[in-house]
């Protein structure tokens, strides 16, 4: 029984830690991004590069119509001015 309480407490602590991490990301997230249909295209600040997947989740949770998040990874190049993107996340179908 004590072990079960410990496991429940550690899960709760992890959830609280994850929640506070999400709150920090909400404050640090990019203030603007491009939206094309249900796709958000963001530029990830250098200090958030390691948390880019979590950042995508935050953007999708704050914008219910966004289903996919991409990151700009290159400048525009070529005759057609094409840019490279990195897939960060998508909303799962329910």
PDB file of N, CA and C in Angstrom:
ATOM      1  N   UNK A   1       0.823  -1.191   0.000  1.00  0.00           N
ATOM      2  CA  UNK A   1       0.000   0.000   0.000  1.00  0.00           C
ATOM      3  C   UNK A   1       0.871   1.260   0.000  1.00  0.00           C
ATOM      4  N   UNK A   2       1.915   1.242   0.794  1.00  0.00           N
ATOM      5  CA  UNK A   2       2.827   2.381   0.826  1.00  0.00           C
ATOM      6  C   UNK A   2       3.488   2.569  -0.533  1.00  0.00           C
ATOM      7  N   UNK A   3       3.812   1.452  -1.175  1.00  0.00           N
ATOM      8  CA  UNK A   3       4.430   1.509  -2.496  1.00  0.00           C
ATOM      9  C   UNK A   3       3.480   2.148  -3.508  1.00  0.00           C
ATOM     10  N   UNK A   4       2.186   1.799  -3.439  1.00  0.00           N
ATOM     11  CA  UNK A   4       1.191   2.386  -4.340  1.00  0.00           C
ATOM     12  C   UNK A   4       1.087   3.893  -4.139  1.00  0.00           C
ATOM     13  N   UNK A   5       1.112   4.333  -2.880  1.00  0.00           N
ATOM     14  CA  UNK A   5       1.050   5.773  -2.597  1.00  0.00           C
ATOM     15  C   UNK A   5       2.272   6.479  -3.158  1.00  0.00           C
ATOM     16  N   UNK A   6       3.441   5.837  -3.023  1.00  0.00           N
ATOM     17  CA  UNK A   6       4.673   6.418  -3.540  1.00  0.00           C
ATOM     18  C   UNK A   6       4.606   6.544  -5.056  1.00  0.00           C
ATOM     19  N   UNK A   7       4.107   5.489  -5.720  1.00  0.00           N
ATOM     20  CA  UNK A   7       3.996   5.517  -7.182  1.00  0.00           C
ATOM     21  C   UNK A   7       3.031   6.608  -7.612  1.00  0.00           C
ATOM     22  N   UNK A   8       1.875   6.717  -6.933  1.00  0.00           N
ATOM     23  CA  UNK A   8       0.898   7.756  -7.265  1.00  0.00           C
ATOM     24  C   UNK A   8       1.495   9.139  -7.048  1.00  0.00           C
ATOM     25  N   UNK A   9       2.245   9.303  -5.949  1.00  0.00           N
ATOM     26  CA  UNK A   9       2.843  10.601  -5.655  1.00  0.00           C
ATOM     27  C   UNK A   9       3.886  10.959  -6.706  1.00  0.00           C
ATOM     28  N   UNK A  10       4.697   9.989  -7.110  1.00  0.00           N
ATOM     29  CA  UNK A  10       5.722  10.305  -8.104  1.00  0.00           C
ATOM     30  C   UNK A  10       5.080  10.651  -9.444  1.00  0.00           C
ATOM     31  N   UNK A  11       3.957   9.999  -9.797  1.00  0.00           N
ATOM     32  CA  UNK A  11       3.246  10.350 -11.023  1.00  0.00           C
ATOM     33  C   UNK A  11       2.705  11.769 -10.929  1.00  0.00           C
ATOM     34  N   UNK A  12       2.151  12.109  -9.759  1.00  0.00           N
ATOM     35  CA  UNK A  12       1.624  13.457  -9.554  1.00  0.00           C
ATOM     36  C   UNK A  12       2.742  14.489  -9.659  1.00  0.00           C
ATOM     37  N   UNK A  13       3.888  14.196  -9.046  1.00  0.00           N
ATOM     38  CA  UNK A  13       5.024  15.113  -9.124  1.00  0.00           C
ATOM     39  C   UNK A  13       5.466  15.317 -10.568  1.00  0.00           C
ATOM     40  N   UNK A  14       5.481  14.232 -11.347  1.00  0.00           N
ATOM     41  CA  UNK A  14       5.869  14.341 -12.756  1.00  0.00           C
ATOM     42  C   UNK A  14       4.865  15.186 -13.529  1.00  0.00           C
ATOM     43  N   UNK A  15       3.573  15.016 -13.225  1.00  0.00           N
ATOM     44  CA  UNK A  15       2.546  15.803 -13.906  1.00  0.00           C
ATOM     45  C   UNK A  15       2.669  17.279 -13.550  1.00  0.00           C
ATOM     46  N   UNK A  16       2.929  17.572 -12.280  1.00  0.00           N
ATOM     47  CA  UNK A  16       3.107  18.964 -11.852  1.00  0.00           C
ATOM     48  C   UNK A  16       4.326  19.565 -12.536  1.00  0.00           C
ATOM     49  N   UNK A  17       5.404  18.803 -12.602  1.00  0.00           N
ATOM     50  CA  UNK A  17       6.621  19.274 -13.266  1.00  0.00           C
ATOM     51  C   UNK A  17       6.365  19.527 -14.749  1.00  0.00           C
ATOM     52  N   UNK A  18       5.649  18.615 -15.397  1.00  0.00           N
ATOM     53  CA  UNK A  18       5.325  18.782 -16.818  1.00  0.00           C
ATOM     54  C   UNK A  18       4.438  20.002 -17.018  1.00  0.00           C
ATOM     55  N   UNK A  19       3.488  20.218 -16.108  1.00  0.00           N
ATOM     56  CA  UNK A  19       2.601  21.373 -16.218  1.00  0.00           C
ATOM     57  C   UNK A  19       3.391  22.673 -16.092  1.00  0.00           C
ATOM     58  N   UNK A  20       4.307  22.749 -15.124  1.00  0.00           N
ATOM     59  CA  UNK A  20       5.091  23.974 -14.959  1.00  0.00           C
ATOM     60  C   UNK A  20       6.001  24.196 -16.166  1.00  0.00           C
ATOM     61  N   UNK A  21       6.496  23.113 -16.748  1.00  0.00           N
ATOM     62  CA  UNK A  21       7.313  23.216 -17.967  1.00  0.00           C
ATOM     63  C   UNK A  21       6.476  23.780 -19.116  1.00  0.00           C
ATOM     64  N   UNK A  22       5.230  23.310 -19.238  1.00  0.00           N
ATOM     65  CA  UNK A  22       4.330  23.819 -20.276  1.00  0.00           C
ATOM     66  C   UNK A  22       4.033  25.295 -20.063  1.00  0.00           C
ATOM     67  N   UNK A  23       3.833  25.698 -18.817  1.00  0.00           N
ATOM     68  CA  UNK A  23       3.560  27.107 -18.529  1.00  0.00           C
ATOM     69  C   UNK A  23       4.742  27.987 -18.944  1.00  0.00           C
ATOM     70  N   UNK A  24       5.970  27.523 -18.678  1.00  0.00           N
ATOM     71  CA  UNK A  24       7.159  28.273 -19.100  1.00  0.00           C
ATOM     72  C   UNK A  24       7.209  28.390 -20.619  1.00  0.00           C
ATOM     73  N   UNK A  25       6.909  27.284 -21.303  1.00  0.00           N
ATOM     74  CA  UNK A  25       6.938  27.295 -22.769  1.00  0.00           C
ATOM     75  C   UNK A  25       5.877  28.221 -23.347  1.00  0.00           C
ATOM     76  N   UNK A  26       4.724  28.310 -22.692  1.00  0.00           N
ATOM     77  CA  UNK A  26       3.675  29.208 -23.174  1.00  0.00           C
ATOM     78  C   UNK A  26       4.178  30.644 -23.181  1.00  0.00           C
ATOM     79  N   UNK A  27       4.993  30.983 -22.180  1.00  0.00           N
ATOM     80  CA  UNK A  27       5.535  32.338 -22.095  1.00  0.00           C
ATOM     81  C   UNK A  27       6.649  32.566 -23.110  1.00  0.00           C
ATOM     82  N   UNK A  28       7.433  31.526 -23.410  1.00  0.00           N
ATOM     83  CA  UNK A  28       8.600  31.673 -24.280  1.00  0.00           C
ATOM     84  C   UNK A  28       8.326  31.335 -25.739  1.00  0.00           C
ATOM     85  N   UNK A  29       7.148  30.828 -26.030  1.00  0.00           N
ATOM     86  CA  UNK A  29       6.852  30.399 -27.406  1.00  0.00           C
ATOM     87  C   UNK A  29       6.935  31.580 -28.368  1.00  0.00           C
ATOM     88  N   UNK A  30       7.113  31.301 -29.647  1.00  0.00           N
ATOM     89  CA  UNK A  30       7.145  32.390 -30.630  1.00  0.00           C
ATOM     90  C   UNK A  30       5.839  33.178 -30.584  1.00  0.00           C
ATOM     91  N   UNK A  31       5.946  34.490 -30.661  1.00  0.00           N
ATOM     92  CA  UNK A  31       4.743  35.326 -30.565  1.00  0.00           C
ATOM     93  C   UNK A  31       3.943  35.310 -31.854  1.00  0.00           C
ATOM     94  N   UNK A  32       4.579  34.933 -32.947  1.00  0.00           N
ATOM     95  CA  UNK A  32       3.843  34.843 -34.208  1.00  0.00           C
ATOM     96  C   UNK A  32       4.379  33.670 -35.019  1.00  0.00           C
ATOM     97  N   UNK A  33       3.510  33.153 -35.874  1.00  0.00           N
ATOM     98  CA  UNK A  33       3.898  32.073 -36.771  1.00  0.00           C
ATOM     99  C   UNK A  33       2.945  32.082 -37.948  1.00  0.00           C
ATOM    100  N   UNK A  34       3.360  31.437 -39.022  1.00  0.00           N
ATOM    101  CA  UNK A  34       2.528  31.368 -40.223  1.00  0.00           C
ATOM    102  C   UNK A  34       1.528  30.235 -40.079  1.00  0.00           C
ATOM    103  N   UNK A  35       0.318  30.476 -40.573  1.00  0.00           N
ATOM    104  CA  UNK A  35      -0.702  29.432 -40.586  1.00  0.00           C
ATOM    105  C   UNK A  35      -1.196  29.275 -42.015  1.00  0.00           C
ATOM    106  N   UNK A  36      -1.134  28.052 -42.507  1.00  0.00           N
ATOM    107  CA  UNK A  36      -1.656  27.729 -43.837  1.00  0.00           C
ATOM    108  C   UNK A  36      -2.654  26.599 -43.622  1.00  0.00           C
ATOM    109  N   UNK A  37      -3.932  26.917 -43.706  1.00  0.00           N
ATOM    110  CA  UNK A  37      -4.962  25.925 -43.415  1.00  0.00           C
ATOM    111  C   UNK A  37      -4.883  25.507 -41.964  1.00  0.00           C
ATOM    112  N   UNK A  38      -4.614  24.237 -41.719  1.00  0.00           N
ATOM    113  CA  UNK A  38      -4.493  23.732 -40.347  1.00  0.00           C
ATOM    114  C   UNK A  38      -3.032  23.478 -39.961  1.00  0.00           C
ATOM    115  N   UNK A  39      -2.088  24.050 -40.729  1.00  0.00           N
ATOM    116  CA  UNK A  39      -0.655  23.851 -40.489  1.00  0.00           C
ATOM    117  C   UNK A  39      -0.036  25.137 -39.953  1.00  0.00           C
ATOM    118  N   UNK A  40       0.684  25.028 -38.832  1.00  0.00           N
ATOM    119  CA  UNK A  40       1.433  26.155 -38.276  1.00  0.00           C
ATOM    120  C   UNK A  40       2.901  25.965 -38.636  1.00  0.00           C
ATOM    121  N   UNK A  41       3.536  27.042 -39.121  1.00  0.00           N
ATOM    122  CA  UNK A  41       4.956  27.005 -39.470  1.00  0.00           C
ATOM    123  C   UNK A  41       5.663  27.999 -38.561  1.00  0.00           C
ATOM    124  N   UNK A  42       6.605  27.496 -37.752  1.00  0.00           N
ATOM    125  CA  UNK A  42       7.236  28.330 -36.735  1.00  0.00           C
ATOM    126  C   UNK A  42       8.742  28.403 -36.936  1.00  0.00           C
ATOM    127  N   UNK A  43       9.319  29.455 -36.368  1.00  0.00           N
ATOM    128  CA  UNK A  43      10.769  29.570 -36.232  1.00  0.00           C
ATOM    129  C   UNK A  43      11.053  29.362 -34.753  1.00  0.00           C
ATOM    130  N   UNK A  44      11.797  28.321 -34.428  1.00  0.00           N
ATOM    131  CA  UNK A  44      12.064  27.985 -33.036  1.00  0.00           C
ATOM    132  C   UNK A  44      13.275  28.779 -32.552  1.00  0.00           C
ATOM    133  N   UNK A  45      13.111  29.548 -31.459  1.00  0.00           N
ATOM    134  CA  UNK A  45      14.253  30.284 -30.906  1.00  0.00           C
ATOM    135  C   UNK A  45      15.352  29.316 -30.453  1.00  0.00           C
ATOM    136  N   UNK A  46      16.575  29.758 -30.509  1.00  0.00           N
ATOM    137  CA  UNK A  46      17.726  28.909 -30.182  1.00  0.00           C
ATOM    138  C   UNK A  46      17.598  28.285 -28.790  1.00  0.00           C
ATOM    139  N   UNK A  47      17.101  29.047 -27.815  1.00  0.00           N
ATOM    140  CA  UNK A  47      17.018  28.519 -26.448  1.00  0.00           C
ATOM    141  C   UNK A  47      15.939  27.450 -26.281  1.00  0.00           C
ATOM    142  N   UNK A  48      15.070  27.294 -27.277  1.00  0.00           N
ATOM    143  CA  UNK A  48      14.010  26.286 -27.203  1.00  0.00           C
ATOM    144  C   UNK A  48      14.227  25.115 -28.157  1.00  0.00           C
ATOM    145  N   UNK A  49      15.366  25.064 -28.822  1.00  0.00           N
ATOM    146  CA  UNK A  49      15.625  24.016 -29.819  1.00  0.00           C
ATOM    147  C   UNK A  49      15.466  22.613 -29.235  1.00  0.00           C
ATOM    148  N   UNK A  50      15.891  22.410 -28.000  1.00  0.00           N
ATOM    149  CA  UNK A  50      15.819  21.081 -27.393  1.00  0.00           C
ATOM    150  C   UNK A  50      14.393  20.696 -27.007  1.00  0.00           C
ATOM    151  N   UNK A  51      13.487  21.668 -26.975  1.00  0.00           N
ATOM    152  CA  UNK A  51      12.110  21.400 -26.552  1.00  0.00           C
ATOM    153  C   UNK A  51      11.128  21.647 -27.681  1.00  0.00           C
ATOM    154  N   UNK A  52      11.578  21.506 -28.915  1.00  0.00           N
ATOM    155  CA  UNK A  52      10.729  21.864 -30.059  1.00  0.00           C
ATOM    156  C   UNK A  52       9.477  21.000 -30.162  1.00  0.00           C
ATOM    157  N   UNK A  53       9.548  19.720 -29.822  1.00  0.00           N
ATOM    158  CA  UNK A  53       8.366  18.846 -29.889  1.00  0.00           C
ATOM    159  C   UNK A  53       7.325  19.280 -28.853  1.00  0.00           C
ATOM    160  N   UNK A  54       7.793  19.603 -27.663  1.00  0.00           N
ATOM    161  CA  UNK A  54       6.894  20.081 -26.616  1.00  0.00           C
ATOM    162  C   UNK A  54       6.284  21.420 -27.015  1.00  0.00           C
ATOM    163  N   UNK A  55       7.065  22.256 -27.649  1.00  0.00           N
ATOM    164  CA  UNK A  55       6.578  23.545 -28.139  1.00  0.00           C
ATOM    165  C   UNK A  55       5.456  23.335 -29.156  1.00  0.00           C
ATOM    166  N   UNK A  56       5.602  22.351 -30.021  1.00  0.00           N
ATOM    167  CA  UNK A  56       4.547  22.037 -30.995  1.00  0.00           C
ATOM    168  C   UNK A  56       3.265  21.630 -30.281  1.00  0.00           C
ATOM    169  N   UNK A  57       3.389  20.838 -29.216  1.00  0.00           N
ATOM    170  CA  UNK A  57       2.215  20.434 -28.445  1.00  0.00           C
ATOM    171  C   UNK A  57       1.532  21.638 -27.808  1.00  0.00           C
ATOM    172  N   UNK A  58       2.328  22.565 -27.291  1.00  0.00           N
ATOM    173  CA  UNK A  58       1.765  23.772 -26.677  1.00  0.00           C
ATOM    174  C   UNK A  58       0.995  24.580 -27.717  1.00  0.00           C
ATOM    175  N   UNK A  59       1.569  24.754 -28.888  1.00  0.00           N
ATOM    176  CA  UNK A  59       0.904  25.524 -29.949  1.00  0.00           C
ATOM    177  C   UNK A  59      -0.409  24.860 -30.344  1.00  0.00           C
ATOM    178  N   UNK A  60      -0.405  23.535 -30.471  1.00  0.00           N
ATOM    179  CA  UNK A  60      -1.644  22.838 -30.837  1.00  0.00           C
ATOM    180  C   UNK A  60      -2.678  22.900 -29.719  1.00  0.00           C
ATOM    181  N   UNK A  61      -2.230  22.888 -28.469  1.00  0.00           N
ATOM    182  CA  UNK A  61      -3.191  22.951 -27.364  1.00  0.00           C
ATOM    183  C   UNK A  61      -3.814  24.338 -27.237  1.00  0.00           C
ATOM    184  N   UNK A  62      -3.069  25.372 -27.615  1.00  0.00           N
ATOM    185  CA  UNK A  62      -3.592  26.740 -27.524  1.00  0.00           C
ATOM    186  C   UNK A  62      -4.392  27.147 -28.754  1.00  0.00           C
ATOM    187  N   UNK A  63      -4.211  26.446 -29.860  1.00  0.00           N
ATOM    188  CA  UNK A  63      -4.911  26.748 -31.118  1.00  0.00           C
ATOM    189  C   UNK A  63      -5.571  25.465 -31.606  1.00  0.00           C
ATOM    190  N   UNK A  64      -6.826  25.293 -31.271  1.00  0.00           N
ATOM    191  CA  UNK A  64      -7.524  24.027 -31.535  1.00  0.00           C
ATOM    192  C   UNK A  64      -7.640  23.688 -33.018  1.00  0.00           C
ATOM    193  N   UNK A  65      -7.602  24.682 -33.899  1.00  0.00           N
ATOM    194  CA  UNK A  65      -7.734  24.403 -35.331  1.00  0.00           C
ATOM    195  C   UNK A  65      -6.425  23.946 -35.978  1.00  0.00           C
ATOM    196  N   UNK A  66      -5.305  24.108 -35.298  1.00  0.00           N
ATOM    197  CA  UNK A  66      -4.012  23.678 -35.843  1.00  0.00           C
ATOM    198  C   UNK A  66      -3.840  22.186 -35.597  1.00  0.00           C
ATOM    199  N   UNK A  67      -3.561  21.450 -36.680  1.00  0.00           N
ATOM    200  CA  UNK A  67      -3.418  19.999 -36.583  1.00  0.00           C
ATOM    201  C   UNK A  67      -1.990  19.529 -36.822  1.00  0.00           C
ATOM    202  N   UNK A  68      -1.155  20.379 -37.427  1.00  0.00           N
ATOM    203  CA  UNK A  68       0.229  20.017 -37.741  1.00  0.00           C
ATOM    204  C   UNK A  68       1.129  21.218 -37.476  1.00  0.00           C
ATOM    205  N   UNK A  69       2.337  20.962 -36.953  1.00  0.00           N
ATOM    206  CA  UNK A  69       3.306  22.034 -36.715  1.00  0.00           C
ATOM    207  C   UNK A  69       4.613  21.673 -37.420  1.00  0.00           C
ATOM    208  N   UNK A  70       5.126  22.624 -38.206  1.00  0.00           N
ATOM    209  CA  UNK A  70       6.402  22.477 -38.907  1.00  0.00           C
ATOM    210  C   UNK A  70       7.354  23.569 -38.441  1.00  0.00           C
ATOM    211  N   UNK A  71       8.650  23.279 -38.503  1.00  0.00           N
ATOM    212  CA  UNK A  71       9.677  24.265 -38.163  1.00  0.00           C
ATOM    213  C   UNK A  71      10.434  24.648 -39.430  1.00  0.00           C
ATOM    214  N   UNK A  72      10.681  25.944 -39.610  1.00  0.00           N
ATOM    215  CA  UNK A  72      11.519  26.407 -40.720  1.00  0.00           C
ATOM    216  C   UNK A  72      12.957  26.013 -40.401  1.00  0.00           C
ATOM    217  N   UNK A  73      13.623  25.328 -41.343  1.00  0.00           N
ATOM    218  CA  UNK A  73      15.009  24.921 -41.082  1.00  0.00           C
ATOM    219  C   UNK A  73      15.997  25.484 -42.091  1.00  0.00           C
ATOM    220  N   UNK A  74      15.509  26.185 -43.110  1.00  0.00           N
ATOM    221  CA  UNK A  74      16.433  26.781 -44.077  1.00  0.00           C
ATOM    222  C   UNK A  74      15.864  28.105 -44.576  1.00  0.00           C
ATOM    223  N   UNK A  75      16.713  28.839 -45.223  1.00  0.00           N
ATOM    224  CA  UNK A  75      16.267  30.063 -45.890  1.00  0.00           C
ATOM    225  C   UNK A  75      15.637  29.677 -47.220  1.00  0.00           C
ATOM    226  N   UNK A  76      14.937  30.603 -47.825  1.00  0.00           N
ATOM    227  CA  UNK A  76      14.381  30.348 -49.160  1.00  0.00           C
ATOM    228  C   UNK A  76      15.533  30.237 -50.153  1.00  0.00           C
ATOM    229  N   UNK A  77      15.404  29.287 -51.085  1.00  0.00           N
ATOM    230  CA  UNK A  77      16.490  29.121 -52.053  1.00  0.00           C
ATOM    231  C   UNK A  77      15.939  28.611 -53.373  1.00  0.00           C
ATOM    232  N   UNK A  78      16.708  28.820 -54.408  1.00  0.00           N
ATOM    233  CA  UNK A  78      16.326  28.352 -55.733  1.00  0.00           C
ATOM    234  C   UNK A  78      15.404  29.316 -56.459  1.00  0.00           C
ATOM    235  N   UNK A  79      15.117  28.973 -57.682  1.00  0.00           N
ATOM    236  CA  UNK A  79      14.265  29.793 -58.540  1.00  0.00           C
ATOM    237  C   UNK A  79      12.871  29.936 -57.936  1.00  0.00           C
ATOM    238  N   UNK A  80      12.371  28.857 -57.338  1.00  0.00           N
ATOM    239  CA  UNK A  80      11.015  28.878 -56.789  1.00  0.00           C
ATOM    240  C   UNK A  80      10.968  29.300 -55.319  1.00  0.00           C
ATOM    241  N   UNK A  81      12.129  29.667 -54.768  1.00  0.00           N
ATOM    242  CA  UNK A  81      12.242  30.157 -53.393  1.00  0.00           C
ATOM    243  C   UNK A  81      11.619  29.184 -52.386  1.00  0.00           C
ATOM    244  N   UNK A  82      12.013  27.941 -52.520  1.00  0.00           N
ATOM    245  CA  UNK A  82      11.510  26.866 -51.665  1.00  0.00           C
ATOM    246  C   UNK A  82      12.301  26.852 -50.353  1.00  0.00           C
ATOM    247  N   UNK A  83      11.645  26.506 -49.284  1.00  0.00           N
ATOM    248  CA  UNK A  83      12.268  26.421 -47.961  1.00  0.00           C
ATOM    249  C   UNK A  83      12.133  24.987 -47.447  1.00  0.00           C
ATOM    250  N   UNK A  84      13.081  24.549 -46.633  1.00  0.00           N
ATOM    251  CA  UNK A  84      13.004  23.225 -46.016  1.00  0.00           C
ATOM    252  C   UNK A  84      12.345  23.352 -44.647  1.00  0.00           C
ATOM    253  N   UNK A  85      11.584  22.307 -44.279  1.00  0.00           N
ATOM    254  CA  UNK A  85      10.866  22.295 -43.007  1.00  0.00           C
ATOM    255  C   UNK A  85      11.151  21.000 -42.261  1.00  0.00           C
ATOM    256  N   UNK A  86      10.977  21.046 -40.944  1.00  0.00           N
ATOM    257  CA  UNK A  86      11.093  19.854 -40.102  1.00  0.00           C
ATOM    258  C   UNK A  86       9.724  19.631 -39.452  1.00  0.00           C
ATOM    259  N   UNK A  87       9.245  18.403 -39.529  1.00  0.00           N
ATOM    260  CA  UNK A  87       7.976  18.039 -38.906  1.00  0.00           C
ATOM    261  C   UNK A  87       8.158  17.978 -37.389  1.00  0.00           C
ATOM    262  N   UNK A  88       7.306  18.685 -36.644  1.00  0.00           N
ATOM    263  CA  UNK A  88       7.410  18.688 -35.183  1.00  0.00           C
ATOM    264  C   UNK A  88       6.290  17.923 -34.495  1.00  0.00           C
ATOM    265  N   UNK A  89       5.119  17.903 -35.097  1.00  0.00           N
ATOM    266  CA  UNK A  89       4.033  17.175 -34.441  1.00  0.00           C
ATOM    267  C   UNK A  89       2.724  17.344 -35.163  1.00  0.00           C
ATOM    268  N   UNK A  90       1.799  16.459 -34.811  1.00  0.00           N
ATOM    269  CA  UNK A  90       0.454  16.550 -35.373  1.00  0.00           C
ATOM    270  C   UNK A  90      -0.545  16.113 -34.320  1.00  0.00           C
ATOM    271  N   UNK A  91      -1.758  16.587 -34.499  1.00  0.00           N
ATOM    272  CA  UNK A  91      -2.841  16.214 -33.594  1.00  0.00           C
ATOM    273  C   UNK A  91      -3.352  14.844 -34.024  1.00  0.00           C
ATOM    274  N   UNK A  92      -3.494  13.969 -33.070  1.00  0.00           N
ATOM    275  CA  UNK A  92      -3.986  12.631 -33.379  1.00  0.00           C
ATOM    276  C   UNK A  92      -5.497  12.675 -33.569  1.00  0.00           C
ATOM    277  N   UNK A  93      -5.988  11.910 -34.531  1.00  0.00           N
ATOM    278  CA  UNK A  93      -7.433  11.836 -34.761  1.00  0.00           C
ATOM    279  C   UNK A  93      -8.093  11.095 -33.613  1.00  0.00           C
ATOM    280  N   UNK A  94      -9.278  11.551 -33.268  1.00  0.00           N
ATOM    281  CA  UNK A  94     -10.023  10.917 -32.164  1.00  0.00           C
ATOM    282  C   UNK A  94     -11.110  10.040 -32.733  1.00  0.00           C
TER     283      UNK A  94
END
